[in-house]
């Protein structure tokens, strides 16, 4: 049985737990992720069909991804910490921001997406599989 993933915001007002294992661990270098993180990329653990729970009430804002999919980005209303992304068109999928984990060392990037938007100063894991945009779907 796997250990749950737990985390939350900097001030402790919002906490989450997620059971199971992520289907992917992704560094995304798109411009949206650069703007949301204030850095060169966003780092996410993506879970599908995995039980998870949120304590506290995060704020959300919605944005359309490049494919047209709506993404709801959750963050703490008190401290502003970015926490996770849900996808109304894809229920059951959540992308947890690696930096919000209680044990961020559990994050092991496997894929890098949107390398065509990468900043020259942003160095990601050279061993990770890279895609110019999003990986092809099955």
C-alpha atoms as a PDB file:
ATOM      1  CA  UNK A   1       0.000   0.000   0.000  1.00  0.00           C
ATOM      2  CA  UNK A   2       1.358   3.397  -0.941  1.00  0.00           C
ATOM      3  CA  UNK A   3       1.720   6.341   1.417  1.00  0.00           C
ATOM      4  CA  UNK A   4      -0.578   9.266   0.848  1.00  0.00           C
ATOM      5  CA  UNK A   5       0.716  12.572  -0.443  1.00  0.00           C
ATOM      6  CA  UNK A   6      -0.068  15.499   1.835  1.00  0.00           C
ATOM      7  CA  UNK A   7       0.580  19.193   1.700  1.00  0.00           C
ATOM      8  CA  UNK A   8      -0.858  22.642   1.928  1.00  0.00           C
ATOM      9  CA  UNK A   9      -0.257  26.340   1.867  1.00  0.00           C
ATOM     10  CA  UNK A  10       2.414  28.326   3.701  1.00  0.00           C
ATOM     11  CA  UNK A  11       0.085  29.599   6.444  1.00  0.00           C
ATOM     12  CA  UNK A  12      -1.721  26.288   7.073  1.00  0.00           C
ATOM     13  CA  UNK A  13      -5.232  27.522   6.206  1.00  0.00           C
ATOM     14  CA  UNK A  14      -5.582  24.946   3.396  1.00  0.00           C
ATOM     15  CA  UNK A  15      -4.418  21.322   3.607  1.00  0.00           C
ATOM     16  CA  UNK A  16      -4.871  18.377   1.263  1.00  0.00           C
ATOM     17  CA  UNK A  17      -4.203  14.645   1.179  1.00  0.00           C
ATOM     18  CA  UNK A  18      -4.138  12.449  -1.895  1.00  0.00           C
ATOM     19  CA  UNK A  19      -4.103   8.647  -1.856  1.00  0.00           C
ATOM     20  CA  UNK A  20      -2.414   6.449  -4.442  1.00  0.00           C
ATOM     21  CA  UNK A  21       0.399   7.200  -6.807  1.00  0.00           C
ATOM     22  CA  UNK A  22       0.604   9.906  -9.460  1.00  0.00           C
ATOM     23  CA  UNK A  23       0.240   8.911 -13.104  1.00  0.00           C
ATOM     24  CA  UNK A  24       2.920  11.441 -14.037  1.00  0.00           C
ATOM     25  CA  UNK A  25       5.318  13.956 -12.519  1.00  0.00           C
ATOM     26  CA  UNK A  26       5.753  16.849 -14.919  1.00  0.00           C
ATOM     27  CA  UNK A  27       7.776  20.046 -15.240  1.00  0.00           C
ATOM     28  CA  UNK A  28       5.851  22.411 -17.534  1.00  0.00           C
ATOM     29  CA  UNK A  29       7.704  25.318 -19.137  1.00  0.00           C
ATOM     30  CA  UNK A  30       4.693  27.032 -20.748  1.00  0.00           C
ATOM     31  CA  UNK A  31       4.254  30.773 -20.274  1.00  0.00           C
ATOM     32  CA  UNK A  32       1.211  30.261 -18.032  1.00  0.00           C
ATOM     33  CA  UNK A  33       3.268  28.158 -15.620  1.00  0.00           C
ATOM     34  CA  UNK A  34       6.117  30.658 -15.728  1.00  0.00           C
ATOM     35  CA  UNK A  35       3.724  33.455 -14.785  1.00  0.00           C
ATOM     36  CA  UNK A  36       1.920  31.429 -12.112  1.00  0.00           C
ATOM     37  CA  UNK A  37       5.122  30.357 -10.384  1.00  0.00           C
ATOM     38  CA  UNK A  38       7.254  33.435 -10.987  1.00  0.00           C
ATOM     39  CA  UNK A  39       9.951  31.035 -12.216  1.00  0.00           C
ATOM     40  CA  UNK A  40      10.923  29.043 -15.269  1.00  0.00           C
ATOM     41  CA  UNK A  41       8.410  26.210 -14.925  1.00  0.00           C
ATOM     42  CA  UNK A  42       5.690  24.623 -12.834  1.00  0.00           C
ATOM     43  CA  UNK A  43       6.229  21.205 -11.239  1.00  0.00           C
ATOM     44  CA  UNK A  44       3.202  18.943 -10.866  1.00  0.00           C
ATOM     45  CA  UNK A  45       2.219  15.497  -9.633  1.00  0.00           C
ATOM     46  CA  UNK A  46      -0.790  14.436 -11.686  1.00  0.00           C
ATOM     47  CA  UNK A  47      -3.307  12.023 -10.165  1.00  0.00           C
ATOM     48  CA  UNK A  48      -6.253  10.414 -11.971  1.00  0.00           C
ATOM     49  CA  UNK A  49      -9.179   8.731 -10.239  1.00  0.00           C
ATOM     50  CA  UNK A  50      -7.378   8.886  -6.908  1.00  0.00           C
ATOM     51  CA  UNK A  51      -9.238   9.694  -3.680  1.00  0.00           C
ATOM     52  CA  UNK A  52      -8.216  13.062  -2.286  1.00  0.00           C
ATOM     53  CA  UNK A  53      -9.467  15.504   0.288  1.00  0.00           C
ATOM     54  CA  UNK A  54      -9.086  19.242   0.890  1.00  0.00           C
ATOM     55  CA  UNK A  55      -9.427  20.890   4.299  1.00  0.00           C
ATOM     56  CA  UNK A  56     -10.031  24.627   4.248  1.00  0.00           C
ATOM     57  CA  UNK A  57     -11.401  26.608   1.335  1.00  0.00           C
ATOM     58  CA  UNK A  58      -8.957  27.601  -1.370  1.00  0.00           C
ATOM     59  CA  UNK A  59      -9.777  30.307  -3.872  1.00  0.00           C
ATOM     60  CA  UNK A  60      -9.688  29.378  -7.553  1.00  0.00           C
ATOM     61  CA  UNK A  61      -9.354  31.112 -10.845  1.00  0.00           C
ATOM     62  CA  UNK A  62      -9.982  29.616 -14.268  1.00  0.00           C
ATOM     63  CA  UNK A  63      -7.924  29.798 -17.417  1.00  0.00           C
ATOM     64  CA  UNK A  64      -8.148  28.017 -20.760  1.00  0.00           C
ATOM     65  CA  UNK A  65      -5.131  25.908 -21.632  1.00  0.00           C
ATOM     66  CA  UNK A  66      -3.678  25.855 -25.128  1.00  0.00           C
ATOM     67  CA  UNK A  67      -5.890  22.874 -26.033  1.00  0.00           C
ATOM     68  CA  UNK A  68      -8.982  24.789 -24.869  1.00  0.00           C
ATOM     69  CA  UNK A  69      -9.331  22.731 -21.681  1.00  0.00           C
ATOM     70  CA  UNK A  70     -10.402  24.780 -18.682  1.00  0.00           C
ATOM     71  CA  UNK A  71      -8.010  24.654 -15.733  1.00  0.00           C
ATOM     72  CA  UNK A  72      -9.058  25.770 -12.245  1.00  0.00           C
ATOM     73  CA  UNK A  73      -5.992  26.866 -10.312  1.00  0.00           C
ATOM     74  CA  UNK A  74      -6.440  26.690  -6.527  1.00  0.00           C
ATOM     75  CA  UNK A  75      -4.529  28.899  -4.098  1.00  0.00           C
ATOM     76  CA  UNK A  76      -4.790  30.019  -0.485  1.00  0.00           C
ATOM     77  CA  UNK A  77      -6.823  33.208  -0.039  1.00  0.00           C
ATOM     78  CA  UNK A  78      -4.755  34.151   3.025  1.00  0.00           C
ATOM     79  CA  UNK A  79      -1.134  33.613   1.973  1.00  0.00           C
ATOM     80  CA  UNK A  80      -1.495  33.216  -1.802  1.00  0.00           C
ATOM     81  CA  UNK A  81       0.316  29.861  -2.019  1.00  0.00           C
ATOM     82  CA  UNK A  82      -0.495  28.000  -5.267  1.00  0.00           C
ATOM     83  CA  UNK A  83      -1.732  24.486  -4.406  1.00  0.00           C
ATOM     84  CA  UNK A  84      -3.264  22.430  -7.205  1.00  0.00           C
ATOM     85  CA  UNK A  85      -5.117  22.489 -10.527  1.00  0.00           C
ATOM     86  CA  UNK A  86      -8.382  20.724 -11.347  1.00  0.00           C
ATOM     87  CA  UNK A  87      -9.954  20.252 -14.761  1.00  0.00           C
ATOM     88  CA  UNK A  88     -13.778  20.595 -14.952  1.00  0.00           C
ATOM     89  CA  UNK A  89     -13.804  18.812 -18.332  1.00  0.00           C
ATOM     90  CA  UNK A  90     -11.768  15.920 -16.893  1.00  0.00           C
ATOM     91  CA  UNK A  91     -13.279  15.068 -13.502  1.00  0.00           C
ATOM     92  CA  UNK A  92     -11.096  13.025 -11.195  1.00  0.00           C
ATOM     93  CA  UNK A  93      -7.824  14.523 -12.421  1.00  0.00           C
ATOM     94  CA  UNK A  94      -5.836  16.804 -10.136  1.00  0.00           C
ATOM     95  CA  UNK A  95      -2.352  18.249 -10.626  1.00  0.00           C
ATOM     96  CA  UNK A  96      -0.753  19.015  -7.269  1.00  0.00           C
ATOM     97  CA  UNK A  97       2.012  21.605  -7.217  1.00  0.00           C
ATOM     98  CA  UNK A  98       5.178  19.870  -6.035  1.00  0.00           C
ATOM     99  CA  UNK A  99       6.306  22.795  -3.894  1.00  0.00           C
ATOM    100  CA  UNK A 100       3.148  22.549  -1.775  1.00  0.00           C
ATOM    101  CA  UNK A 101       3.916  18.971  -0.648  1.00  0.00           C
ATOM    102  CA  UNK A 102       4.939  18.294   2.950  1.00  0.00           C
ATOM    103  CA  UNK A 103       7.613  16.044   1.452  1.00  0.00           C
ATOM    104  CA  UNK A 104       8.615  17.794  -1.784  1.00  0.00           C
ATOM    105  CA  UNK A 105      11.546  15.399  -2.134  1.00  0.00           C
ATOM    106  CA  UNK A 106       9.007  12.755  -3.244  1.00  0.00           C
ATOM    107  CA  UNK A 107       8.648  14.666  -6.518  1.00  0.00           C
ATOM    108  CA  UNK A 108      10.744  13.028  -9.244  1.00  0.00           C
ATOM    109  CA  UNK A 109      10.201  14.740 -12.632  1.00  0.00           C
ATOM    110  CA  UNK A 110       9.579  12.307 -15.487  1.00  0.00           C
ATOM    111  CA  UNK A 111       8.444  14.619 -18.284  1.00  0.00           C
ATOM    112  CA  UNK A 112       9.081  18.183 -19.365  1.00  0.00           C
ATOM    113  CA  UNK A 113       6.344  19.811 -21.432  1.00  0.00           C
ATOM    114  CA  UNK A 114       6.322  23.021 -23.455  1.00  0.00           C
ATOM    115  CA  UNK A 115      10.087  23.132 -23.964  1.00  0.00           C
ATOM    116  CA  UNK A 116       9.515  25.459 -26.922  1.00  0.00           C
ATOM    117  CA  UNK A 117       8.586  28.168 -24.386  1.00  0.00           C
ATOM    118  CA  UNK A 118      11.531  27.411 -22.066  1.00  0.00           C
ATOM    119  CA  UNK A 119      13.634  30.269 -20.781  1.00  0.00           C
ATOM    120  CA  UNK A 120      17.378  29.827 -21.413  1.00  0.00           C
ATOM    121  CA  UNK A 121      18.120  30.192 -17.694  1.00  0.00           C
ATOM    122  CA  UNK A 122      15.646  27.471 -16.628  1.00  0.00           C
ATOM    123  CA  UNK A 123      17.518  24.186 -16.323  1.00  0.00           C
ATOM    124  CA  UNK A 124      15.345  21.104 -15.821  1.00  0.00           C
ATOM    125  CA  UNK A 125      16.355  17.459 -15.378  1.00  0.00           C
ATOM    126  CA  UNK A 126      18.307  16.537 -18.527  1.00  0.00           C
ATOM    127  CA  UNK A 127      17.253  12.876 -18.143  1.00  0.00           C
ATOM    128  CA  UNK A 128      13.505  13.652 -18.283  1.00  0.00           C
ATOM    129  CA  UNK A 129      11.577  12.955 -21.492  1.00  0.00           C
ATOM    130  CA  UNK A 130      10.874  16.270 -23.234  1.00  0.00           C
ATOM    131  CA  UNK A 131       8.063  17.504 -25.456  1.00  0.00           C
ATOM    132  CA  UNK A 132       7.955  20.764 -27.446  1.00  0.00           C
ATOM    133  CA  UNK A 133       4.320  21.164 -26.360  1.00  0.00           C
ATOM    134  CA  UNK A 134       2.100  18.523 -24.736  1.00  0.00           C
ATOM    135  CA  UNK A 135       2.773  14.796 -25.152  1.00  0.00           C
ATOM    136  CA  UNK A 136       0.523  12.998 -27.638  1.00  0.00           C
ATOM    137  CA  UNK A 137      -2.584  11.426 -26.131  1.00  0.00           C
ATOM    138  CA  UNK A 138      -3.262   7.729 -26.501  1.00  0.00           C
END
